[in-house]
PDB file of N, CA and C in Angstrom:
ATOM      1  N   MET A   1      -2.504  -9.007  11.970  1.00  0.00           N
ATOM      2  CA  MET A   1      -3.326  -8.195  11.104  1.00  0.00           C
ATOM      3  C   MET A   1      -3.963  -7.059  11.885  1.00  0.00           C
ATOM      4  N   ASP A   2      -4.335  -7.303  13.126  1.00  0.00           N
ATOM      5  CA  ASP A   2      -4.955  -6.253  13.927  1.00  0.00           C
ATOM      6  C   ASP A   2      -4.020  -5.073  14.129  1.00  0.00           C
ATOM      7  N   LYS A   3      -2.731  -5.335  14.323  1.00  0.00           N
ATOM      8  CA  LYS A   3      -1.764  -4.247  14.472  1.00  0.00           C
ATOM      9  C   LYS A   3      -1.664  -3.442  13.191  1.00  0.00           C
ATOM     10  N   LEU A   4      -1.757  -4.122  12.068  1.00  0.00           N
ATOM     11  CA  LEU A   4      -1.667  -3.453  10.773  1.00  0.00           C
ATOM     12  C   LEU A   4      -2.842  -2.509  10.575  1.00  0.00           C
ATOM     13  N   LYS A   5      -4.019  -2.909  11.037  1.00  0.00           N
ATOM     14  CA  LYS A   5      -5.207  -2.067  10.907  1.00  0.00           C
ATOM     15  C   LYS A   5      -5.070  -0.764  11.683  1.00  0.00           C
ATOM     16  N   GLY A   6      -4.340  -0.790  12.790  1.00  0.00           N
ATOM     17  CA  GLY A   6      -4.237   0.374  13.648  1.00  0.00           C
ATOM     18  C   GLY A   6      -3.164   1.370  13.270  1.00  0.00           C
ATOM     19  N   VAL A   7      -2.381   1.081  12.251  1.00  0.00           N
ATOM     20  CA  VAL A   7      -1.286   1.967  11.864  1.00  0.00           C
ATOM     21  C   VAL A   7      -1.787   3.035  10.909  1.00  0.00           C
ATOM     22  N   SER A   8      -1.397   4.265  11.179  1.00  0.00           N
ATOM     23  CA  SER A   8      -1.688   5.353  10.243  1.00  0.00           C
ATOM     24  C   SER A   8      -0.733   5.232   9.065  1.00  0.00           C
ATOM     25  N   ILE A   9      -1.140   5.789   7.965  1.00  0.00           N
ATOM     26  CA  ILE A   9      -0.288   5.734   6.785  1.00  0.00           C
ATOM     27  C   ILE A   9       0.251   7.135   6.555  1.00  0.00           C
ATOM     28  N   GLY A  10       1.391   7.368   7.138  1.00  0.00           N
ATOM     29  CA  GLY A  10       2.070   8.642   7.002  1.00  0.00           C
ATOM     30  C   GLY A  10       3.559   8.426   7.105  1.00  0.00           C
ATOM     31  N   GLU A  11       4.319   9.426   6.739  1.00  0.00           N
ATOM     32  CA  GLU A  11       5.770   9.309   6.726  1.00  0.00           C
ATOM     33  C   GLU A  11       6.323   8.884   8.083  1.00  0.00           C
ATOM     34  N   SER A  12       5.766   9.411   9.165  1.00  0.00           N
ATOM     35  CA  SER A  12       6.286   9.098  10.497  1.00  0.00           C
ATOM     36  C   SER A  12       5.922   7.690  10.963  1.00  0.00           C
ATOM     37  N   ASP A  13       5.006   7.026  10.277  1.00  0.00           N
ATOM     38  CA  ASP A  13       4.540   5.697  10.673  1.00  0.00           C
ATOM     39  C   ASP A  13       5.226   4.561   9.915  1.00  0.00           C
ATOM     40  N   LEU A  14       6.094   4.871   8.988  1.00  0.00           N
ATOM     41  CA  LEU A  14       6.674   3.856   8.117  1.00  0.00           C
ATOM     42  C   LEU A  14       7.555   2.865   8.864  1.00  0.00           C
ATOM     43  N   THR A  15       8.285   3.321   9.866  1.00  0.00           N
ATOM     44  CA  THR A  15       9.132   2.407  10.631  1.00  0.00           C
ATOM     45  C   THR A  15       8.281   1.407  11.390  1.00  0.00           C
ATOM     46  N   GLU A  16       7.208   1.891  12.023  1.00  0.00           N
ATOM     47  CA  GLU A  16       6.305   0.984  12.736  1.00  0.00           C
ATOM     48  C   GLU A  16       5.676  -0.015  11.777  1.00  0.00           C
ATOM     49  N   LEU A  17       5.272   0.451  10.633  1.00  0.00           N
ATOM     50  CA  LEU A  17       4.668  -0.419   9.631  1.00  0.00           C
ATOM     51  C   LEU A  17       5.652  -1.491   9.177  1.00  0.00           C
ATOM     52  N   GLN A  18       6.898  -1.116   8.980  1.00  0.00           N
ATOM     53  CA  GLN A  18       7.904  -2.080   8.559  1.00  0.00           C
ATOM     54  C   GLN A  18       8.131  -3.131   9.657  1.00  0.00           C
ATOM     55  N   THR A  19       8.104  -2.721  10.920  1.00  0.00           N
ATOM     56  CA  THR A  19       8.250  -3.658  12.032  1.00  0.00           C
ATOM     57  C   THR A  19       7.092  -4.651  12.063  1.00  0.00           C
ATOM     58  N   ILE A  20       5.881  -4.157  11.886  1.00  0.00           N
ATOM     59  CA  ILE A  20       4.697  -5.018  11.876  1.00  0.00           C
ATOM     60  C   ILE A  20       4.776  -6.018  10.726  1.00  0.00           C
ATOM     61  N   LEU A  21       5.197  -5.559   9.576  1.00  0.00           N
ATOM     62  CA  LEU A  21       5.326  -6.454   8.427  1.00  0.00           C
ATOM     63  C   LEU A  21       6.368  -7.536   8.674  1.00  0.00           C
ATOM     64  N   GLY A  22       7.443  -7.189   9.359  1.00  0.00           N
ATOM     65  CA  GLY A  22       8.449  -8.187   9.708  1.00  0.00           C
ATOM     66  C   GLY A  22       7.864  -9.281  10.591  1.00  0.00           C
ATOM     67  N   GLN A  23       7.042  -8.886  11.567  1.00  0.00           N
ATOM     68  CA  GLN A  23       6.395  -9.864  12.435  1.00  0.00           C
ATOM     69  C   GLN A  23       5.401 -10.714  11.652  1.00  0.00           C
ATOM     70  N   MET A  24       4.666 -10.078  10.743  1.00  0.00           N
ATOM     71  CA  MET A  24       3.708 -10.824   9.926  1.00  0.00           C
ATOM     72  C   MET A  24       4.427 -11.846   9.057  1.00  0.00           C
ATOM     73  N   LYS A  25       5.583 -11.481   8.504  1.00  0.00           N
ATOM     74  CA  LYS A  25       6.353 -12.434   7.698  1.00  0.00           C
ATOM     75  C   LYS A  25       6.768 -13.636   8.535  1.00  0.00           C
ATOM     76  N   ALA A  26       7.180 -13.389   9.768  1.00  0.00           N
ATOM     77  CA  ALA A  26       7.555 -14.489  10.657  1.00  0.00           C
ATOM     78  C   ALA A  26       6.352 -15.377  10.958  1.00  0.00           C
ATOM     79  N   ASP A  27       5.192 -14.761  11.186  1.00  0.00           N
ATOM     80  CA  ASP A  27       3.977 -15.525  11.451  1.00  0.00           C
ATOM     81  C   ASP A  27       3.580 -16.375  10.248  1.00  0.00           C
ATOM     82  N   VAL A  28       3.680 -15.802   9.059  1.00  0.00           N
ATOM     83  CA  VAL A  28       3.333 -16.541   7.842  1.00  0.00           C
ATOM     84  C   VAL A  28       4.322 -17.687   7.618  1.00  0.00           C
ATOM     85  N   ALA A  29       5.580 -17.464   7.941  1.00  0.00           N
ATOM     86  CA  ALA A  29       6.570 -18.542   7.814  1.00  0.00           C
ATOM     87  C   ALA A  29       6.200 -19.718   8.716  1.00  0.00           C
ATOM     88  N   GLN A  30       5.698 -19.415   9.906  1.00  0.00           N
ATOM     89  CA  GLN A  30       5.282 -20.485  10.817  1.00  0.00           C
ATOM     90  C   GLN A  30       4.066 -21.222  10.265  1.00  0.00           C
ATOM     91  N   VAL A  31       3.096 -20.473   9.755  1.00  0.00           N
ATOM     92  CA  VAL A  31       1.909 -21.102   9.167  1.00  0.00           C
ATOM     93  C   VAL A  31       2.316 -21.954   7.970  1.00  0.00           C
ATOM     94  N   THR A  32       3.237 -21.457   7.177  1.00  0.00           N
ATOM     95  CA  THR A  32       3.714 -22.207   6.018  1.00  0.00           C
ATOM     96  C   THR A  32       4.339 -23.528   6.460  1.00  0.00           C
ATOM     97  N   ALA A  33       5.144 -23.472   7.498  1.00  0.00           N
ATOM     98  CA  ALA A  33       5.773 -24.696   7.999  1.00  0.00           C
ATOM     99  C   ALA A  33       4.732 -25.689   8.503  1.00  0.00           C
ATOM    100  N   ASP A  34       3.667 -25.167   9.094  1.00  0.00           N
ATOM    101  CA  ASP A  34       2.651 -26.031   9.695  1.00  0.00           C
ATOM    102  C   ASP A  34       1.594 -26.529   8.708  1.00  0.00           C
ATOM    103  N   ALA A  35       1.278 -25.735   7.683  1.00  0.00           N
ATOM    104  CA  ALA A  35       0.091 -26.071   6.890  1.00  0.00           C
ATOM    105  C   ALA A  35       0.206 -25.765   5.397  1.00  0.00           C
ATOM    106  N   LYS A  36       1.394 -25.753   4.843  1.00  0.00           N
ATOM    107  CA  LYS A  36       1.542 -25.396   3.429  1.00  0.00           C
ATOM    108  C   LYS A  36       0.784 -26.334   2.501  1.00  0.00           C
ATOM    109  N   LYS A  37       0.783 -27.609   2.803  1.00  0.00           N
ATOM    110  CA  LYS A  37       0.090 -28.553   1.921  1.00  0.00           C
ATOM    111  C   LYS A  37      -1.399 -28.265   1.855  1.00  0.00           C
ATOM    112  N   GLU A  38      -1.980 -27.964   2.989  1.00  0.00           N
ATOM    113  CA  GLU A  38      -3.425 -27.770   3.045  1.00  0.00           C
ATOM    114  C   GLU A  38      -3.870 -26.387   2.569  1.00  0.00           C
ATOM    115  N   TYR A  39      -3.080 -25.366   2.850  1.00  0.00           N
ATOM    116  CA  TYR A  39      -3.485 -23.985   2.558  1.00  0.00           C
ATOM    117  C   TYR A  39      -2.467 -23.260   1.688  1.00  0.00           C
ATOM    118  N   GLY A  40      -1.790 -23.989   0.823  1.00  0.00           N
ATOM    119  CA  GLY A  40      -0.714 -23.429   0.014  1.00  0.00           C
ATOM    120  C   GLY A  40      -1.090 -22.201  -0.792  1.00  0.00           C
ATOM    121  N   SER A  41      -2.217 -22.242  -1.486  1.00  0.00           N
ATOM    122  CA  SER A  41      -2.579 -21.097  -2.336  1.00  0.00           C
ATOM    123  C   SER A  41      -2.926 -19.876  -1.492  1.00  0.00           C
ATOM    124  N   GLU A  42      -3.595 -20.088  -0.370  1.00  0.00           N
ATOM    125  CA  GLU A  42      -3.940 -18.970   0.511  1.00  0.00           C
ATOM    126  C   GLU A  42      -2.684 -18.372   1.146  1.00  0.00           C
ATOM    127  N   ILE A  43      -1.754 -19.235   1.544  1.00  0.00           N
ATOM    128  CA  ILE A  43      -0.498 -18.765   2.134  1.00  0.00           C
ATOM    129  C   ILE A  43       0.315 -17.986   1.109  1.00  0.00           C
ATOM    130  N   THR A  44       0.329 -18.474  -0.129  1.00  0.00           N
ATOM    131  CA  THR A  44       1.033 -17.764  -1.198  1.00  0.00           C
ATOM    132  C   THR A  44       0.442 -16.373  -1.407  1.00  0.00           C
ATOM    133  N   ALA A  45      -0.885 -16.264  -1.363  1.00  0.00           N
ATOM    134  CA  ALA A  45      -1.528 -14.966  -1.525  1.00  0.00           C
ATOM    135  C   ALA A  45      -1.156 -14.009  -0.389  1.00  0.00           C
ATOM    136  N   VAL A  46      -1.111 -14.525   0.837  1.00  0.00           N
ATOM    137  CA  VAL A  46      -0.727 -13.687   1.980  1.00  0.00           C
ATOM    138  C   VAL A  46       0.723 -13.236   1.822  1.00  0.00           C
ATOM    139  N   THR A  47       1.590 -14.168   1.498  1.00  0.00           N
ATOM    140  CA  THR A  47       3.008 -13.848   1.344  1.00  0.00           C
ATOM    141  C   THR A  47       3.222 -12.816   0.242  1.00  0.00           C
ATOM    142  N   SER A  48       2.563 -13.000  -0.877  1.00  0.00           N
ATOM    143  CA  SER A  48       2.698 -12.062  -1.999  1.00  0.00           C
ATOM    144  C   SER A  48       2.206 -10.670  -1.628  1.00  0.00           C
ATOM    145  N   SER A  49       1.087 -10.606  -0.918  1.00  0.00           N
ATOM    146  CA  SER A  49       0.547  -9.295  -0.546  1.00  0.00           C
ATOM    147  C   SER A  49       1.449  -8.601   0.472  1.00  0.00           C
ATOM    148  N   ILE A  50       2.013  -9.355   1.404  1.00  0.00           N
ATOM    149  CA  ILE A  50       2.943  -8.763   2.375  1.00  0.00           C
ATOM    150  C   ILE A  50       4.207  -8.279   1.668  1.00  0.00           C
ATOM    151  N   ASP A  51       4.709  -9.066   0.725  1.00  0.00           N
ATOM    152  CA  ASP A  51       5.893  -8.653  -0.029  1.00  0.00           C
ATOM    153  C   ASP A  51       5.628  -7.372  -0.817  1.00  0.00           C
ATOM    154  N   GLY A  52       4.458  -7.301  -1.445  1.00  0.00           N
ATOM    155  CA  GLY A  52       4.104  -6.089  -2.191  1.00  0.00           C
ATOM    156  C   GLY A  52       4.007  -4.869  -1.290  1.00  0.00           C
ATOM    157  N   LEU A  53       3.394  -5.041  -0.133  1.00  0.00           N
ATOM    158  CA  LEU A  53       3.281  -3.944   0.817  1.00  0.00           C
ATOM    159  C   LEU A  53       4.653  -3.552   1.343  1.00  0.00           C
ATOM    160  N   SER A  54       5.505  -4.517   1.596  1.00  0.00           N
ATOM    161  CA  SER A  54       6.863  -4.223   2.066  1.00  0.00           C
ATOM    162  C   SER A  54       7.623  -3.381   1.045  1.00  0.00           C
ATOM    163  N   LYS A  55       7.480  -3.709  -0.224  1.00  0.00           N
ATOM    164  CA  LYS A  55       8.137  -2.928  -1.281  1.00  0.00           C
ATOM    165  C   LYS A  55       7.611  -1.500  -1.315  1.00  0.00           C
ATOM    166  N   SER A  56       6.308  -1.344  -1.125  1.00  0.00           N
ATOM    167  CA  SER A  56       5.721   0.001  -1.092  1.00  0.00           C
ATOM    168  C   SER A  56       6.255   0.801   0.093  1.00  0.00           C
ATOM    169  N   VAL A  57       6.373   0.146   1.242  1.00  0.00           N
ATOM    170  CA  VAL A  57       6.893   0.821   2.440  1.00  0.00           C
ATOM    171  C   VAL A  57       8.348   1.211   2.225  1.00  0.00           C
ATOM    172  N   GLN A  58       9.141   0.320   1.648  1.00  0.00           N
ATOM    173  CA  GLN A  58      10.545   0.645   1.380  1.00  0.00           C
ATOM    174  C   GLN A  58      10.665   1.831   0.430  1.00  0.00           C
ATOM    175  N   ALA A  59       9.831   1.864  -0.598  1.00  0.00           N
ATOM    176  CA  ALA A  59       9.859   2.978  -1.547  1.00  0.00           C
ATOM    177  C   ALA A  59       9.476   4.287  -0.858  1.00  0.00           C
ATOM    178  N   ALA A  60       8.475   4.220   0.019  1.00  0.00           N
ATOM    179  CA  ALA A  60       8.032   5.424   0.726  1.00  0.00           C
ATOM    180  C   ALA A  60       9.087   5.892   1.724  1.00  0.00           C
ATOM    181  N   ARG A  61       9.772   4.962   2.347  1.00  0.00           N
ATOM    182  CA  ARG A  61      10.833   5.363   3.284  1.00  0.00           C
ATOM    183  C   ARG A  61      11.992   6.006   2.540  1.00  0.00           C
ATOM    184  N   ALA A  62      12.295   5.512   1.354  1.00  0.00           N
ATOM    185  CA  ALA A  62      13.403   6.047   0.572  1.00  0.00           C
ATOM    186  C   ALA A  62      13.092   7.428   0.007  1.00  0.00           C
ATOM    187  N   ASN A  63      11.824   7.646  -0.321  1.00  0.00           N
ATOM    188  CA  ASN A  63      11.433   8.907  -0.946  1.00  0.00           C
ATOM    189  C   ASN A  63      10.008   9.245  -0.528  1.00  0.00           C
ATOM    190  N   PRO A  64       9.805   9.725   0.701  1.00  0.00           N
ATOM    191  CA  PRO A  64       8.450   9.984   1.188  1.00  0.00           C
ATOM    192  C   PRO A  64       7.748  11.104   0.407  1.00  0.00           C
ATOM    193  N   SER A  65       6.597  10.763  -0.125  1.00  0.00           N
ATOM    194  CA  SER A  65       5.769  11.743  -0.838  1.00  0.00           C
ATOM    195  C   SER A  65       4.356  11.179  -0.920  1.00  0.00           C
ATOM    196  N   LYS A  66       3.433  11.996  -1.350  1.00  0.00           N
ATOM    197  CA  LYS A  66       2.060  11.507  -1.522  1.00  0.00           C
ATOM    198  C   LYS A  66       2.025  10.345  -2.510  1.00  0.00           C
ATOM    199  N   GLU A  67       2.836  10.428  -3.545  1.00  0.00           N
ATOM    200  CA  GLU A  67       2.845   9.398  -4.581  1.00  0.00           C
ATOM    201  C   GLU A  67       3.370   8.061  -4.057  1.00  0.00           C
ATOM    202  N   THR A  68       4.349   8.093  -3.157  1.00  0.00           N
ATOM    203  CA  THR A  68       4.886   6.833  -2.647  1.00  0.00           C
ATOM    204  C   THR A  68       4.092   6.312  -1.450  1.00  0.00           C
ATOM    205  N   LEU A  69       3.370   7.187  -0.765  1.00  0.00           N
ATOM    206  CA  LEU A  69       2.543   6.745   0.362  1.00  0.00           C
ATOM    207  C   LEU A  69       1.223   6.145  -0.107  1.00  0.00           C
ATOM    208  N   ARG A  70       0.702   6.629  -1.219  1.00  0.00           N
ATOM    209  CA  ARG A  70      -0.604   6.188  -1.712  1.00  0.00           C
ATOM    210  C   ARG A  70      -0.724   4.670  -1.900  1.00  0.00           C
ATOM    211  N   PRO A  71       0.259   3.995  -2.493  1.00  0.00           N
ATOM    212  CA  PRO A  71       0.131   2.537  -2.684  1.00  0.00           C
ATOM    213  C   PRO A  71       0.085   1.741  -1.375  1.00  0.00           C
ATOM    214  N   ILE A  72       0.495   2.348  -0.282  1.00  0.00           N
ATOM    215  CA  ILE A  72       0.485   1.632   0.993  1.00  0.00           C
ATOM    216  C   ILE A  72      -0.941   1.306   1.416  1.00  0.00           C
ATOM    217  N   ALA A  73      -1.862   2.220   1.230  1.00  0.00           N
ATOM    218  CA  ALA A  73      -3.260   1.968   1.611  1.00  0.00           C
ATOM    219  C   ALA A  73      -3.833   0.775   0.856  1.00  0.00           C
ATOM    220  N   SER A  74      -3.603   0.703  -0.441  1.00  0.00           N
ATOM    221  CA  SER A  74      -4.119  -0.440  -1.195  1.00  0.00           C
ATOM    222  C   SER A  74      -3.372  -1.715  -0.822  1.00  0.00           C
ATOM    223  N   GLY A  75      -2.091  -1.590  -0.474  1.00  0.00           N
ATOM    224  CA  GLY A  75      -1.330  -2.752  -0.035  1.00  0.00           C
ATOM    225  C   GLY A  75      -1.850  -3.316   1.279  1.00  0.00           C
ATOM    226  N   VAL A  76      -2.217  -2.427   2.196  1.00  0.00           N
ATOM    227  CA  VAL A  76      -2.805  -2.869   3.465  1.00  0.00           C
ATOM    228  C   VAL A  76      -4.117  -3.599   3.193  1.00  0.00           C
ATOM    229  N   ALA A  77      -4.921  -3.064   2.291  1.00  0.00           N
ATOM    230  CA  ALA A  77      -6.191  -3.713   1.934  1.00  0.00           C
ATOM    231  C   ALA A  77      -5.944  -5.086   1.316  1.00  0.00           C
ATOM    232  N   ASP A  78      -4.936  -5.196   0.470  1.00  0.00           N
ATOM    233  CA  ASP A  78      -4.607  -6.485  -0.157  1.00  0.00           C
ATOM    234  C   ASP A  78      -4.189  -7.518   0.893  1.00  0.00           C
ATOM    235  N   VAL A  79      -3.371  -7.083   1.851  1.00  0.00           N
ATOM    236  CA  VAL A  79      -2.962  -7.992   2.931  1.00  0.00           C
ATOM    237  C   VAL A  79      -4.194  -8.426   3.719  1.00  0.00           C
ATOM    238  N   GLY A  80      -5.059  -7.477   4.031  1.00  0.00           N
ATOM    239  CA  GLY A  80      -6.274  -7.795   4.779  1.00  0.00           C
ATOM    240  C   GLY A  80      -7.146  -8.806   4.058  1.00  0.00           C
ATOM    241  N   SER A  81      -7.316  -8.635   2.770  1.00  0.00           N
ATOM    242  CA  SER A  81      -8.128  -9.574   1.991  1.00  0.00           C
ATOM    243  C   SER A  81      -7.506 -10.968   1.969  1.00  0.00           C
ATOM    244  N   ALA A  82      -6.200 -11.026   1.794  1.00  0.00           N
ATOM    245  CA  ALA A  82      -5.523 -12.318   1.745  1.00  0.00           C
ATOM    246  C   ALA A  82      -5.581 -13.028   3.100  1.00  0.00           C
ATOM    247  N   VAL A  83      -5.389 -12.277   4.175  1.00  0.00           N
ATOM    248  CA  VAL A  83      -5.456 -12.876   5.513  1.00  0.00           C
ATOM    249  C   VAL A  83      -6.875 -13.355   5.811  1.00  0.00           C
ATOM    250  N   THR A  84      -7.870 -12.577   5.413  1.00  0.00           N
ATOM    251  CA  THR A  84      -9.262 -12.975   5.618  1.00  0.00           C
ATOM    252  C   THR A  84      -9.569 -14.277   4.877  1.00  0.00           C
ATOM    253  N   ALA A  85      -9.099 -14.389   3.653  1.00  0.00           N
ATOM    254  CA  ALA A  85      -9.319 -15.616   2.879  1.00  0.00           C
ATOM    255  C   ALA A  85      -8.646 -16.820   3.550  1.00  0.00           C
ATOM    256  N   LEU A  86      -7.440 -16.617   4.065  1.00  0.00           N
ATOM    257  CA  LEU A  86      -6.752 -17.699   4.768  1.00  0.00           C
ATOM    258  C   LEU A  86      -7.514 -18.088   6.036  1.00  0.00           C
ATOM    259  N   ARG A  87      -7.950 -17.112   6.790  1.00  0.00           N
ATOM    260  CA  ARG A  87      -8.722 -17.399   8.016  1.00  0.00           C
ATOM    261  C   ARG A  87      -9.985 -18.168   7.705  1.00  0.00           C
ATOM    262  N   LYS A  88     -10.693 -17.791   6.643  1.00  0.00           N
ATOM    263  CA  LYS A  88     -11.920 -18.503   6.259  1.00  0.00           C
ATOM    264  C   LYS A  88     -11.631 -19.948   5.889  1.00  0.00           C
ATOM    265  N   SER A  89     -10.553 -20.157   5.150  1.00  0.00           N
ATOM    266  CA  SER A  89     -10.185 -21.515   4.766  1.00  0.00           C
ATOM    267  C   SER A  89      -9.836 -22.362   5.982  1.00  0.00           C
ATOM    268  N   VAL A  90      -9.086 -21.785   6.893  1.00  0.00           N
ATOM    269  CA  VAL A  90      -8.685 -22.509   8.096  1.00  0.00           C
ATOM    270  C   VAL A  90      -9.910 -22.807   8.963  1.00  0.00           C
ATOM    271  N   SER A  91     -10.770 -21.813   9.142  1.00  0.00           N
ATOM    272  CA  SER A  91     -11.930 -22.016  10.017  1.00  0.00           C
ATOM    273  C   SER A  91     -12.923 -23.018   9.432  1.00  0.00           C
ATOM    274  N   SER A  92     -12.966 -23.139   8.110  1.00  0.00           N
ATOM    275  CA  SER A  92     -13.905 -24.096   7.507  1.00  0.00           C
ATOM    276  C   SER A  92     -13.432 -25.540   7.649  1.00  0.00           C
ATOM    277  N   THR A  93     -12.165 -25.729   7.977  1.00  0.00           N
ATOM    278  CA  THR A  93     -11.649 -27.090   8.145  1.00  0.00           C
ATOM    279  C   THR A  93     -11.393 -27.463   9.601  1.00  0.00           C
ATOM    280  N   CYS A  94     -11.578 -26.523  10.482  1.00  0.00           N
ATOM    281  CA  CYS A  94     -11.330 -26.796  11.914  1.00  0.00           C
ATOM    282  C   CYS A  94     -12.626 -27.117  12.645  1.00  0.00           C
TER     283      CYS A  94
END
């Protein structure tokens, strides 16, 4: 998530953003394997938000414009909120 916070949202940053999202998907897959029973709803929210952001990035890469870049900012915020909720749930049980 920290890497995601540091990425600018511009046409030239889309490849880096897509790489970061790929790593986040791998990380979430590991968390899912380890703790799906306990944190299933939080993991689902993280996965859904990452998928939504990935779709926005793909759309912006295919047709870069202000209109296709704009949803990326809200997608990053959605991922951040979902990750924060998962972290809170995990920290309250550890």
